[in-house]
Amino acid sequence: MNITKVISTSIKEGVRFIKLLRFGKSDVQECREIAPFGIDSNSPKDMIAIYSPTQEKGKSIVIGYINKNQLADIGELRMYSTDSNQVEKFFLHLKNDGTAEFGGNSDFMVRYNALETGFNLLKTELNAAVTIFNSHVHPYTGLVVGTSGNTAPTVTPGIPAVATITAAKITEIKTL
């Protein structure tokens, strides 16, 4: 096994090939990248790769990369993406306390169905209050105090709520 530097990557017939700088400026090799099932990642230039020959002459493979920014604790899984300069852009961190962080931890994801139920109940209660407000009347006694007069509905009626939270629903992400 050898430690090498990534020069570039390419995909040929569905297989990723890594161009590596091995032992000097003129020792450039290209080999297949090996990865766990279901994971498709493409390393940026200058990543340090672990390169190994196989039993088949001339068929070497890249079996992994040296991660210089490991953060996952025991039992955790952290996946991240970078730009071409190896600057982290986004991450998914499955933590050993049973939580998951999607790109950060300063806000919360919500259970949309429960939120929508609570929101719709609040809207129903508000609209019931608007109906009661709109139907109440004020006694009108005329200009002379103590004289009888007519009653009149409220001058400025309330408007029923028509708000919705549908736009907040993220259909691509599901949860418990």
C-alpha atoms as a PDB file:
ATOM      1  CA  MET A   1       0.000   0.000   0.000  1.00  0.00           C
ATOM      2  CA  ASN A   2       1.136   3.540  -0.753  1.00  0.00           C
ATOM      3  CA  ILE A   3       0.064   7.057   0.148  1.00  0.00           C
ATOM      4  CA  THR A   4      -0.483   9.211  -2.939  1.00  0.00           C
ATOM      5  CA  LYS A   5      -1.939  12.568  -3.981  1.00  0.00           C
ATOM      6  CA  VAL A   6      -5.039  12.925  -6.186  1.00  0.00           C
ATOM      7  CA  ILE A   7      -4.451  14.843  -9.413  1.00  0.00           C
ATOM      8  CA  SER A   8      -7.901  14.428 -10.975  1.00  0.00           C
ATOM      9  CA  THR A   9     -10.858  12.082 -11.340  1.00  0.00           C
ATOM     10  CA  SER A  10     -12.910  10.818 -14.263  1.00  0.00           C
ATOM     11  CA  ILE A  11     -15.759   8.403 -14.847  1.00  0.00           C
ATOM     12  CA  LYS A  12     -15.443   5.821 -17.622  1.00  0.00           C
ATOM     13  CA  GLU A  13     -18.360   3.482 -18.287  1.00  0.00           C
ATOM     14  CA  GLY A  14     -19.770   4.056 -14.812  1.00  0.00           C
ATOM     15  CA  VAL A  15     -16.470   3.503 -12.990  1.00  0.00           C
ATOM     16  CA  ARG A  16     -14.559   6.318 -11.280  1.00  0.00           C
ATOM     17  CA  PHE A  17     -10.858   6.472 -12.053  1.00  0.00           C
ATOM     18  CA  ILE A  18      -8.414   8.479  -9.968  1.00  0.00           C
ATOM     19  CA  LYS A  19      -5.274   9.969 -11.506  1.00  0.00           C
ATOM     20  CA  LEU A  20      -2.533   9.878  -8.853  1.00  0.00           C
ATOM     21  CA  LEU A  21       0.913  11.341  -8.369  1.00  0.00           C
ATOM     22  CA  ARG A  22       2.898   8.527  -6.796  1.00  0.00           C
ATOM     23  CA  PHE A  23       6.688   8.770  -6.316  1.00  0.00           C
ATOM     24  CA  GLY A  24       7.703  11.772  -8.427  1.00  0.00           C
ATOM     25  CA  LYS A  25       6.589  14.326 -11.027  1.00  0.00           C
ATOM     26  CA  SER A  26       6.617  11.797 -13.857  1.00  0.00           C
ATOM     27  CA  ASP A  27       5.100   8.902 -11.872  1.00  0.00           C
ATOM     28  CA  VAL A  28       1.438   9.490 -12.651  1.00  0.00           C
ATOM     29  CA  GLN A  29      -0.879   6.486 -12.453  1.00  0.00           C
ATOM     30  CA  GLU A  30      -4.592   6.035 -13.015  1.00  0.00           C
ATOM     31  CA  CYS A  31      -6.539   3.431 -11.096  1.00  0.00           C
ATOM     32  CA  ARG A  32     -10.071   2.495 -10.042  1.00  0.00           C
ATOM     33  CA  GLU A  33     -11.641   3.895  -6.911  1.00  0.00           C
ATOM     34  CA  ILE A  34     -13.209   1.369  -4.536  1.00  0.00           C
ATOM     35  CA  ALA A  35     -16.030   2.478  -2.205  1.00  0.00           C
ATOM     36  CA  PRO A  36     -18.659   0.914   0.038  1.00  0.00           C
ATOM     37  CA  PHE A  37     -21.959  -0.032  -1.588  1.00  0.00           C
ATOM     38  CA  GLY A  38     -24.349   2.883  -2.012  1.00  0.00           C
ATOM     39  CA  ILE A  39     -21.768   5.624  -1.527  1.00  0.00           C
ATOM     40  CA  ASP A  40     -20.768   7.718  -4.523  1.00  0.00           C
ATOM     41  CA  SER A  41     -18.250  10.421  -3.740  1.00  0.00           C
ATOM     42  CA  ASN A  42     -15.682  12.265  -5.820  1.00  0.00           C
ATOM     43  CA  SER A  43     -12.582  13.547  -4.056  1.00  0.00           C
ATOM     44  CA  PRO A  44     -11.182  16.973  -4.895  1.00  0.00           C
ATOM     45  CA  LYS A  45      -7.672  17.524  -6.205  1.00  0.00           C
ATOM     46  CA  ASP A  46      -4.811  17.187  -3.711  1.00  0.00           C
ATOM     47  CA  MET A  47      -6.640  14.778  -1.383  1.00  0.00           C
ATOM     48  CA  ILE A  48      -4.269  12.184   0.026  1.00  0.00           C
ATOM     49  CA  ALA A  49      -5.325   8.731  -1.190  1.00  0.00           C
ATOM     50  CA  ILE A  50      -4.396   5.226  -0.087  1.00  0.00           C
ATOM     51  CA  TYR A  51      -3.364   3.307  -3.173  1.00  0.00           C
ATOM     52  CA  SER A  52      -2.787  -0.431  -3.393  1.00  0.00           C
ATOM     53  CA  PRO A  53      -1.772  -2.872  -6.090  1.00  0.00           C
ATOM     54  CA  THR A  54      -3.956  -5.907  -6.720  1.00  0.00           C
ATOM     55  CA  GLN A  55      -3.016  -9.451  -7.729  1.00  0.00           C
ATOM     56  CA  GLU A  56      -3.711  -8.495 -11.323  1.00  0.00           C
ATOM     57  CA  LYS A  57      -0.612  -6.785 -12.713  1.00  0.00           C
ATOM     58  CA  GLY A  58      -1.219  -3.146 -13.659  1.00  0.00           C
ATOM     59  CA  LYS A  59      -4.640  -3.067 -11.920  1.00  0.00           C
ATOM     60  CA  SER A  60      -4.197  -0.943  -8.815  1.00  0.00           C
ATOM     61  CA  ILE A  61      -7.000   0.599  -6.742  1.00  0.00           C
ATOM     62  CA  VAL A  62      -7.654   3.547  -4.445  1.00  0.00           C
ATOM     63  CA  ILE A  63      -9.159   2.131  -1.261  1.00  0.00           C
ATOM     64  CA  GLY A  64      -9.639   5.330   0.728  1.00  0.00           C
ATOM     65  CA  TYR A  65      -8.537   8.826   1.621  1.00  0.00           C
ATOM     66  CA  ILE A  66      -6.900  10.426   4.636  1.00  0.00           C
ATOM     67  CA  ASN A  67      -9.477  12.652   6.293  1.00  0.00           C
ATOM     68  CA  LYS A  68      -7.755  15.579   8.009  1.00  0.00           C
ATOM     69  CA  ASN A  69     -10.937  16.903   9.627  1.00  0.00           C
ATOM     70  CA  GLN A  70     -12.514  13.990  11.465  1.00  0.00           C
ATOM     71  CA  LEU A  71     -15.206  14.998  13.938  1.00  0.00           C
ATOM     72  CA  ALA A  72     -17.382  11.885  14.447  1.00  0.00           C
ATOM     73  CA  ASP A  73     -17.310  10.423  17.957  1.00  0.00           C
ATOM     74  CA  ILE A  74     -17.510   6.712  18.792  1.00  0.00           C
ATOM     75  CA  GLY A  75     -20.565   5.152  17.135  1.00  0.00           C
ATOM     76  CA  GLU A  76     -21.276   8.175  14.939  1.00  0.00           C
ATOM     77  CA  LEU A  77     -21.438   8.638  11.172  1.00  0.00           C
ATOM     78  CA  ARG A  78     -20.683  11.943   9.509  1.00  0.00           C
ATOM     79  CA  MET A  79     -20.899  12.573   5.771  1.00  0.00           C
ATOM     80  CA  TYR A  80     -19.941  15.858   4.173  1.00  0.00           C
ATOM     81  CA  SER A  81     -19.374  17.552   0.859  1.00  0.00           C
ATOM     82  CA  THR A  82     -16.703  20.052  -0.129  1.00  0.00           C
ATOM     83  CA  ASP A  83     -15.954  22.368  -2.987  1.00  0.00           C
ATOM     84  CA  SER A  84     -12.944  21.801  -5.244  1.00  0.00           C
ATOM     85  CA  ASN A  85     -10.725  23.535  -2.652  1.00  0.00           C
ATOM     86  CA  GLN A  86     -11.707  21.028   0.076  1.00  0.00           C
ATOM     87  CA  VAL A  87     -13.810  23.644   1.918  1.00  0.00           C
ATOM     88  CA  GLU A  88     -16.733  21.902   3.611  1.00  0.00           C
ATOM     89  CA  LYS A  89     -20.102  22.965   2.189  1.00  0.00           C
ATOM     90  CA  PHE A  90     -22.665  20.687   3.873  1.00  0.00           C
ATOM     91  CA  PHE A  91     -22.795  17.738   6.265  1.00  0.00           C
ATOM     92  CA  LEU A  92     -25.086  15.107   7.702  1.00  0.00           C
ATOM     93  CA  HIS A  93     -24.029  13.995  11.185  1.00  0.00           C
ATOM     94  CA  LEU A  94     -25.743  11.001  12.801  1.00  0.00           C
ATOM     95  CA  LYS A  95     -24.797  11.396  16.446  1.00  0.00           C
ATOM     96  CA  ASN A  96     -24.402   8.761  19.160  1.00  0.00           C
ATOM     97  CA  ASP A  97     -27.061  10.486  21.299  1.00  0.00           C
ATOM     98  CA  GLY A  98     -29.784   9.597  18.763  1.00  0.00           C
ATOM     99  CA  THR A  99     -29.898  13.007  17.059  1.00  0.00           C
ATOM    100  CA  ALA A 100     -28.999  14.020  13.515  1.00  0.00           C
ATOM    101  CA  GLU A 101     -27.631  17.326  12.300  1.00  0.00           C
ATOM    102  CA  PHE A 102     -28.381  18.438   8.744  1.00  0.00           C
ATOM    103  CA  GLY A 103     -25.845  21.136   7.950  1.00  0.00           C
ATOM    104  CA  GLY A 104     -25.829  22.591  11.471  1.00  0.00           C
ATOM    105  CA  ASN A 105     -27.467  22.590  14.884  1.00  0.00           C
ATOM    106  CA  SER A 106     -28.824  26.126  15.348  1.00  0.00           C
ATOM    107  CA  ASP A 107     -32.426  25.381  14.327  1.00  0.00           C
ATOM    108  CA  PHE A 108     -34.910  22.508  14.384  1.00  0.00           C
ATOM    109  CA  MET A 109     -36.704  20.400  11.811  1.00  0.00           C
ATOM    110  CA  VAL A 110     -40.371  19.816  12.643  1.00  0.00           C
ATOM    111  CA  ARG A 111     -42.936  17.078  12.323  1.00  0.00           C
ATOM    112  CA  TYR A 112     -45.053  18.743   9.673  1.00  0.00           C
ATOM    113  CA  ASN A 113     -48.250  16.737  10.258  1.00  0.00           C
ATOM    114  CA  ALA A 114     -48.333  17.574  13.983  1.00  0.00           C
ATOM    115  CA  LEU A 115     -47.504  21.226  13.244  1.00  0.00           C
ATOM    116  CA  GLU A 116     -50.256  21.421  10.630  1.00  0.00           C
ATOM    117  CA  THR A 117     -52.796  19.886  13.061  1.00  0.00           C
ATOM    118  CA  GLY A 118     -51.943  22.468  15.737  1.00  0.00           C
ATOM    119  CA  PHE A 119     -51.913  25.302  13.226  1.00  0.00           C
ATOM    120  CA  ASN A 120     -55.308  24.321  11.788  1.00  0.00           C
ATOM    121  CA  LEU A 121     -56.804  24.080  15.312  1.00  0.00           C
ATOM    122  CA  LEU A 122     -55.502  27.572  16.108  1.00  0.00           C
ATOM    123  CA  LYS A 123     -56.930  28.885  12.822  1.00  0.00           C
ATOM    124  CA  THR A 124     -60.336  27.278  13.595  1.00  0.00           C
ATOM    125  CA  GLU A 125     -60.377  28.824  17.073  1.00  0.00           C
ATOM    126  CA  LEU A 126     -59.387  32.232  15.671  1.00  0.00           C
ATOM    127  CA  ASN A 127     -62.100  32.063  13.014  1.00  0.00           C
ATOM    128  CA  ALA A 128     -64.704  31.140  15.679  1.00  0.00           C
ATOM    129  CA  ALA A 129     -63.656  34.216  17.663  1.00  0.00           C
ATOM    130  CA  VAL A 130     -63.909  36.353  14.487  1.00  0.00           C
ATOM    131  CA  THR A 131     -67.442  35.032  13.897  1.00  0.00           C
ATOM    132  CA  ILE A 132     -68.473  35.899  17.467  1.00  0.00           C
ATOM    133  CA  PHE A 133     -66.865  39.338  17.172  1.00  0.00           C
ATOM    134  CA  ASN A 134     -68.590  40.033  13.845  1.00  0.00           C
ATOM    135  CA  SER A 135     -72.021  39.006  15.160  1.00  0.00           C
ATOM    136  CA  HIS A 136     -72.007  41.024  18.387  1.00  0.00           C
ATOM    137  CA  VAL A 137     -73.954  44.277  18.498  1.00  0.00           C
ATOM    138  CA  HIS A 138     -73.639  47.543  20.366  1.00  0.00           C
ATOM    139  CA  PRO A 139     -76.658  49.338  21.774  1.00  0.00           C
ATOM    140  CA  TYR A 140     -77.159  52.661  20.081  1.00  0.00           C
ATOM    141  CA  THR A 141     -79.005  55.083  22.248  1.00  0.00           C
ATOM    142  CA  GLY A 142     -79.096  58.086  20.039  1.00  0.00           C
ATOM    143  CA  LEU A 143     -77.819  61.490  20.925  1.00  0.00           C
ATOM    144  CA  VAL A 144     -79.635  61.983  24.192  1.00  0.00           C
ATOM    145  CA  VAL A 145     -78.352  60.024  27.165  1.00  0.00           C
ATOM    146  CA  GLY A 146     -80.932  57.577  28.491  1.00  0.00           C
ATOM    147  CA  THR A 147     -83.072  57.503  25.385  1.00  0.00           C
ATOM    148  CA  SER A 148     -83.685  54.224  23.631  1.00  0.00           C
ATOM    149  CA  GLY A 149     -82.444  53.631  20.149  1.00  0.00           C
ATOM    150  CA  ASN A 150     -81.346  50.940  17.747  1.00  0.00           C
ATOM    151  CA  THR A 151     -78.620  48.351  18.005  1.00  0.00           C
ATOM    152  CA  ALA A 152     -75.938  48.068  15.337  1.00  0.00           C
ATOM    153  CA  PRO A 153     -73.350  45.459  14.400  1.00  0.00           C
ATOM    154  CA  THR A 154     -69.687  46.218  14.824  1.00  0.00           C
ATOM    155  CA  VAL A 155     -68.539  48.824  12.330  1.00  0.00           C
ATOM    156  CA  THR A 156     -65.246  47.111  11.396  1.00  0.00           C
ATOM    157  CA  PRO A 157     -65.766  43.355  11.051  1.00  0.00           C
ATOM    158  CA  GLY A 158     -62.938  40.873  11.650  1.00  0.00           C
ATOM    159  CA  ILE A 159     -61.644  38.885   8.696  1.00  0.00           C
ATOM    160  CA  PRO A 160     -61.441  35.075   8.935  1.00  0.00           C
ATOM    161  CA  ALA A 161     -57.915  33.621   8.757  1.00  0.00           C
ATOM    162  CA  VAL A 162     -56.950  31.855   5.541  1.00  0.00           C
ATOM    163  CA  ALA A 163     -53.274  31.292   6.389  1.00  0.00           C
ATOM    164  CA  THR A 164     -51.579  28.015   5.480  1.00  0.00           C
ATOM    165  CA  ILE A 165     -48.259  26.367   6.271  1.00  0.00           C
ATOM    166  CA  THR A 166     -48.268  24.148   3.173  1.00  0.00           C
ATOM    167  CA  ALA A 167     -45.241  25.917   1.685  1.00  0.00           C
ATOM    168  CA  ALA A 168     -43.159  24.872   4.729  1.00  0.00           C
ATOM    169  CA  LYS A 169     -43.573  21.162   3.939  1.00  0.00           C
ATOM    170  CA  ILE A 170     -40.383  19.458   2.730  1.00  0.00           C
ATOM    171  CA  THR A 171     -41.642  16.403   0.878  1.00  0.00           C
ATOM    172  CA  GLU A 172     -38.145  15.086   0.106  1.00  0.00           C
ATOM    173  CA  ILE A 173     -37.226  14.553   3.790  1.00  0.00           C
ATOM    174  CA  LYS A 174     -39.221  12.175   5.986  1.00  0.00           C
ATOM    175  CA  THR A 175     -38.941  11.595   9.742  1.00  0.00           C
ATOM    176  CA  LEU A 176     -40.519   9.642  12.600  1.00  0.00           C
END
